[in-house]
Amino acid sequence: MADVELAEFDEFLGEPGSVVQFLGEKGYGKTTHLLAIRSRFPGAAYVHIPEGERAEVPDGNPQLVDEAQRLTRRQQHRVFRSSVPLVLG
C-alpha cells in the first residue's frame, strides 16, 4: 500500500498550462501517483502507453500520460501545446 500526498497538487493542477512530471526508476511510484491524481480529479483522463505500442491520448482535465516518453511526435505536439494541465510519468 502506498501513501501518496496529493493536497499540494490540487491548486496547481487547477491552473491552465500547469505541468507536473514524475521521474524515477521502475517501481518508484510514478504510476501510483498518476492514478491517485486521477482519482482526485473527476474530469481527468489517464493513458498508459505500453512499450512498442501506440495508444490514444484521451481528452481530460488534467491529462495524465504514463510512459510519456513513448508519445509520438504528433501526440507530443498536441499534448504539449494544449493549455490543459498535464501530468507526465
N, C-alpha and C. Protein backbone atom coordinates (compact mmCIF):
# COMPACT_ATOMS: atom_id res chain seq x y z
N MET A 1 0.85 -1.17 0.00
CA MET A 1 0.00 0.00 0.00
C MET A 1 0.89 1.24 0.00
N ALA A 2 0.54 2.20 -0.81
CA ALA A 2 1.32 3.43 -0.92
C ALA A 2 0.57 4.58 -0.27
N ASP A 3 1.31 5.45 0.36
CA ASP A 3 0.74 6.66 0.95
C ASP A 3 1.19 7.82 0.06
N VAL A 4 0.24 8.39 -0.68
CA VAL A 4 0.55 9.45 -1.64
C VAL A 4 -0.09 10.75 -1.16
N GLU A 5 0.71 11.77 -0.93
CA GLU A 5 0.22 13.08 -0.50
C GLU A 5 -0.05 13.93 -1.73
N LEU A 6 -1.32 14.28 -1.94
CA LEU A 6 -1.70 14.98 -3.17
C LEU A 6 -2.21 16.40 -2.96
N ALA A 7 -2.42 16.81 -1.75
CA ALA A 7 -3.01 18.13 -1.50
C ALA A 7 -2.23 19.24 -2.20
N GLU A 8 -0.92 19.09 -2.30
CA GLU A 8 -0.10 20.13 -2.92
C GLU A 8 -0.39 20.30 -4.41
N PHE A 9 -1.01 19.30 -5.04
CA PHE A 9 -1.29 19.37 -6.47
C PHE A 9 -2.66 19.96 -6.79
N ASP A 10 -3.57 20.00 -5.81
CA ASP A 10 -4.94 20.45 -6.06
C ASP A 10 -5.00 21.82 -6.73
N GLU A 11 -4.43 22.80 -6.11
CA GLU A 11 -4.49 24.16 -6.65
C GLU A 11 -3.65 24.28 -7.92
N PHE A 12 -2.45 23.70 -7.90
CA PHE A 12 -1.54 23.81 -9.04
C PHE A 12 -2.17 23.24 -10.31
N LEU A 13 -2.78 22.06 -10.23
CA LEU A 13 -3.36 21.43 -11.41
C LEU A 13 -4.69 22.05 -11.82
N GLY A 14 -5.17 23.00 -11.05
CA GLY A 14 -6.35 23.76 -11.45
C GLY A 14 -6.00 24.92 -12.37
N GLU A 15 -4.72 25.19 -12.54
CA GLU A 15 -4.25 26.30 -13.38
C GLU A 15 -4.01 25.83 -14.81
N PRO A 16 -4.53 26.54 -15.81
CA PRO A 16 -4.27 26.18 -17.20
C PRO A 16 -2.77 26.19 -17.51
N GLY A 17 -2.33 25.21 -18.26
CA GLY A 17 -0.93 25.16 -18.68
C GLY A 17 0.04 24.60 -17.65
N SER A 18 -0.45 24.18 -16.50
CA SER A 18 0.47 23.64 -15.49
C SER A 18 0.92 22.24 -15.89
N VAL A 19 2.16 21.90 -15.51
CA VAL A 19 2.73 20.59 -15.85
C VAL A 19 3.45 20.04 -14.63
N VAL A 20 3.22 18.75 -14.36
CA VAL A 20 3.94 18.01 -13.32
C VAL A 20 4.52 16.79 -13.98
N GLN A 21 5.77 16.48 -13.67
CA GLN A 21 6.39 15.28 -14.22
C GLN A 21 7.00 14.48 -13.08
N PHE A 22 6.70 13.17 -13.07
CA PHE A 22 7.28 12.26 -12.10
C PHE A 22 8.35 11.45 -12.81
N LEU A 23 9.56 11.47 -12.26
CA LEU A 23 10.70 10.76 -12.84
C LEU A 23 11.20 9.72 -11.85
N GLY A 24 11.73 8.65 -12.35
CA GLY A 24 12.32 7.65 -11.46
C GLY A 24 12.39 6.29 -12.13
N GLU A 25 13.10 5.41 -11.47
CA GLU A 25 13.24 4.04 -11.95
C GLU A 25 11.92 3.30 -11.83
N LYS A 26 11.84 2.17 -12.51
CA LYS A 26 10.67 1.31 -12.43
C LYS A 26 10.44 0.93 -10.96
N GLY A 27 9.19 1.04 -10.53
CA GLY A 27 8.85 0.66 -9.17
C GLY A 27 8.96 1.76 -8.14
N TYR A 28 9.20 3.00 -8.57
CA TYR A 28 9.36 4.11 -7.63
C TYR A 28 8.10 4.93 -7.41
N GLY A 29 6.96 4.50 -7.96
CA GLY A 29 5.69 5.14 -7.63
C GLY A 29 5.13 6.12 -8.63
N LYS A 30 5.68 6.17 -9.82
CA LYS A 30 5.18 7.13 -10.82
C LYS A 30 3.73 6.83 -11.17
N THR A 31 3.44 5.59 -11.54
CA THR A 31 2.08 5.21 -11.90
C THR A 31 1.14 5.38 -10.70
N THR A 32 1.59 5.03 -9.53
CA THR A 32 0.78 5.19 -8.32
C THR A 32 0.36 6.65 -8.14
N HIS A 33 1.28 7.56 -8.35
CA HIS A 33 0.97 8.98 -8.24
C HIS A 33 -0.04 9.41 -9.31
N LEU A 34 0.17 8.98 -10.54
CA LEU A 34 -0.76 9.35 -11.61
C LEU A 34 -2.17 8.84 -11.33
N LEU A 35 -2.28 7.61 -10.89
CA LEU A 35 -3.60 7.04 -10.60
C LEU A 35 -4.26 7.71 -9.40
N ALA A 36 -3.46 8.09 -8.42
CA ALA A 36 -4.01 8.80 -7.26
C ALA A 36 -4.51 10.19 -7.67
N ILE A 37 -3.79 10.86 -8.53
CA ILE A 37 -4.23 12.17 -9.03
C ILE A 37 -5.51 12.01 -9.84
N ARG A 38 -5.56 10.97 -10.67
CA ARG A 38 -6.78 10.73 -11.46
C ARG A 38 -8.00 10.56 -10.56
N SER A 39 -7.84 9.89 -9.45
CA SER A 39 -8.98 9.67 -8.55
C SER A 39 -9.42 10.96 -7.86
N ARG A 40 -8.54 11.94 -7.81
CA ARG A 40 -8.83 13.20 -7.13
C ARG A 40 -9.49 14.23 -8.06
N PHE A 41 -9.36 14.05 -9.36
CA PHE A 41 -9.92 14.99 -10.34
C PHE A 41 -10.93 14.25 -11.22
N PRO A 42 -12.23 14.52 -11.03
CA PRO A 42 -13.26 13.78 -11.76
C PRO A 42 -13.16 13.89 -13.28
N GLY A 43 -12.64 14.98 -13.81
CA GLY A 43 -12.54 15.15 -15.26
C GLY A 43 -11.23 14.69 -15.86
N ALA A 44 -10.39 14.06 -15.04
CA ALA A 44 -9.06 13.64 -15.51
C ALA A 44 -9.15 12.50 -16.52
N ALA A 45 -8.18 12.45 -17.42
CA ALA A 45 -8.06 11.36 -18.39
C ALA A 45 -6.68 10.75 -18.23
N TYR A 46 -6.62 9.43 -18.12
CA TYR A 46 -5.36 8.71 -17.92
C TYR A 46 -5.11 7.77 -19.09
N VAL A 47 -3.86 7.70 -19.52
CA VAL A 47 -3.45 6.71 -20.52
C VAL A 47 -2.07 6.19 -20.16
N HIS A 48 -1.90 4.88 -20.29
CA HIS A 48 -0.60 4.24 -20.16
C HIS A 48 -0.21 3.80 -21.57
N ILE A 49 1.00 4.16 -21.99
CA ILE A 49 1.46 3.80 -23.33
C ILE A 49 2.44 2.63 -23.19
N PRO A 50 1.99 1.43 -23.58
CA PRO A 50 2.85 0.25 -23.46
C PRO A 50 4.06 0.32 -24.41
N GLU A 51 5.13 -0.33 -24.03
CA GLU A 51 6.33 -0.35 -24.86
C GLU A 51 6.04 -0.98 -26.21
N GLY A 52 6.48 -0.30 -27.28
CA GLY A 52 6.31 -0.81 -28.62
C GLY A 52 4.91 -0.67 -29.19
N GLU A 53 4.04 0.02 -28.48
CA GLU A 53 2.66 0.18 -28.94
C GLU A 53 2.30 1.65 -28.99
N ARG A 54 1.21 1.92 -29.66
CA ARG A 54 0.66 3.28 -29.69
C ARG A 54 -0.62 3.26 -28.88
N ALA A 55 -0.94 4.37 -28.29
CA ALA A 55 -2.17 4.48 -27.52
C ALA A 55 -2.78 5.86 -27.77
N GLU A 56 -4.07 5.91 -27.82
CA GLU A 56 -4.79 7.17 -27.99
C GLU A 56 -4.73 7.95 -26.69
N VAL A 57 -4.42 9.23 -26.78
CA VAL A 57 -4.39 10.09 -25.60
C VAL A 57 -5.76 10.74 -25.47
N PRO A 58 -6.54 10.35 -24.45
CA PRO A 58 -7.89 10.89 -24.31
C PRO A 58 -7.88 12.33 -23.82
N ASP A 59 -8.96 13.04 -24.12
CA ASP A 59 -9.12 14.39 -23.60
C ASP A 59 -9.58 14.32 -22.16
N GLY A 60 -9.08 15.21 -21.35
CA GLY A 60 -9.46 15.28 -19.95
C GLY A 60 -8.81 16.47 -19.31
N ASN A 61 -9.18 16.73 -18.08
CA ASN A 61 -8.61 17.86 -17.34
C ASN A 61 -8.42 17.44 -15.89
N PRO A 62 -7.17 17.15 -15.53
CA PRO A 62 -5.92 17.17 -16.29
C PRO A 62 -5.76 15.92 -17.15
N GLN A 63 -4.77 15.99 -18.04
CA GLN A 63 -4.37 14.82 -18.83
C GLN A 63 -3.21 14.16 -18.11
N LEU A 64 -3.31 12.84 -17.95
CA LEU A 64 -2.28 12.07 -17.26
C LEU A 64 -1.72 11.06 -18.24
N VAL A 65 -0.41 11.16 -18.52
CA VAL A 65 0.22 10.29 -19.51
C VAL A 65 1.34 9.50 -18.83
N ASP A 66 1.12 8.19 -18.72
CA ASP A 66 2.10 7.29 -18.12
C ASP A 66 2.98 6.73 -19.23
N GLU A 67 4.29 6.78 -19.04
CA GLU A 67 5.28 6.42 -20.06
C GLU A 67 5.25 7.44 -21.19
N ALA A 68 5.26 8.71 -20.81
CA ALA A 68 5.14 9.83 -21.77
C ALA A 68 6.26 9.85 -22.79
N GLN A 69 7.38 9.23 -22.51
CA GLN A 69 8.48 9.20 -23.48
C GLN A 69 8.09 8.42 -24.74
N ARG A 70 6.99 7.69 -24.68
CA ARG A 70 6.54 6.89 -25.83
C ARG A 70 5.50 7.62 -26.68
N LEU A 71 5.20 8.86 -26.36
CA LEU A 71 4.29 9.64 -27.20
C LEU A 71 4.90 9.80 -28.59
N THR A 72 4.08 9.73 -29.63
CA THR A 72 4.57 10.00 -30.97
C THR A 72 4.81 11.51 -31.10
N ARG A 73 5.51 11.92 -32.13
CA ARG A 73 5.76 13.36 -32.36
C ARG A 73 4.44 14.11 -32.48
N ARG A 74 3.52 13.54 -33.19
CA ARG A 74 2.21 14.18 -33.37
C ARG A 74 1.49 14.34 -32.02
N GLN A 75 1.54 13.30 -31.20
CA GLN A 75 0.92 13.38 -29.88
C GLN A 75 1.62 14.41 -29.00
N GLN A 76 2.94 14.43 -29.06
CA GLN A 76 3.69 15.42 -28.29
C GLN A 76 3.24 16.82 -28.65
N HIS A 77 3.13 17.08 -29.94
CA HIS A 77 2.73 18.39 -30.41
C HIS A 77 1.35 18.76 -29.83
N ARG A 78 0.40 17.85 -29.94
CA ARG A 78 -0.96 18.11 -29.46
C ARG A 78 -1.00 18.29 -27.94
N VAL A 79 -0.36 17.39 -27.22
CA VAL A 79 -0.42 17.40 -25.75
C VAL A 79 0.34 18.59 -25.18
N PHE A 80 1.54 18.86 -25.68
CA PHE A 80 2.37 19.91 -25.10
C PHE A 80 1.91 21.31 -25.47
N ARG A 81 1.15 21.45 -26.52
CA ARG A 81 0.65 22.78 -26.92
C ARG A 81 -0.71 23.11 -26.30
N SER A 82 -1.30 22.15 -25.65
CA SER A 82 -2.61 22.35 -25.03
C SER A 82 -2.45 23.17 -23.74
N SER A 83 -3.49 23.87 -23.36
CA SER A 83 -3.45 24.63 -22.11
C SER A 83 -4.02 23.81 -20.96
N VAL A 84 -4.41 22.57 -21.23
CA VAL A 84 -4.94 21.68 -20.19
C VAL A 84 -3.80 21.26 -19.27
N PRO A 85 -4.02 21.27 -17.95
CA PRO A 85 -2.98 20.78 -17.04
C PRO A 85 -2.53 19.37 -17.43
N LEU A 86 -1.25 19.11 -17.27
CA LEU A 86 -0.64 17.86 -17.75
C LEU A 86 0.19 17.25 -16.64
N VAL A 87 0.03 15.91 -16.49
CA VAL A 87 0.84 15.17 -15.54
C VAL A 87 1.49 14.03 -16.30
N LEU A 88 2.83 13.99 -16.25
CA LEU A 88 3.61 13.00 -17.01
C LEU A 88 4.33 12.06 -16.07
N GLY A 89 4.41 10.81 -16.49
CA GLY A 89 5.17 9.82 -15.74
C GLY A 89 6.14 9.13 -16.67
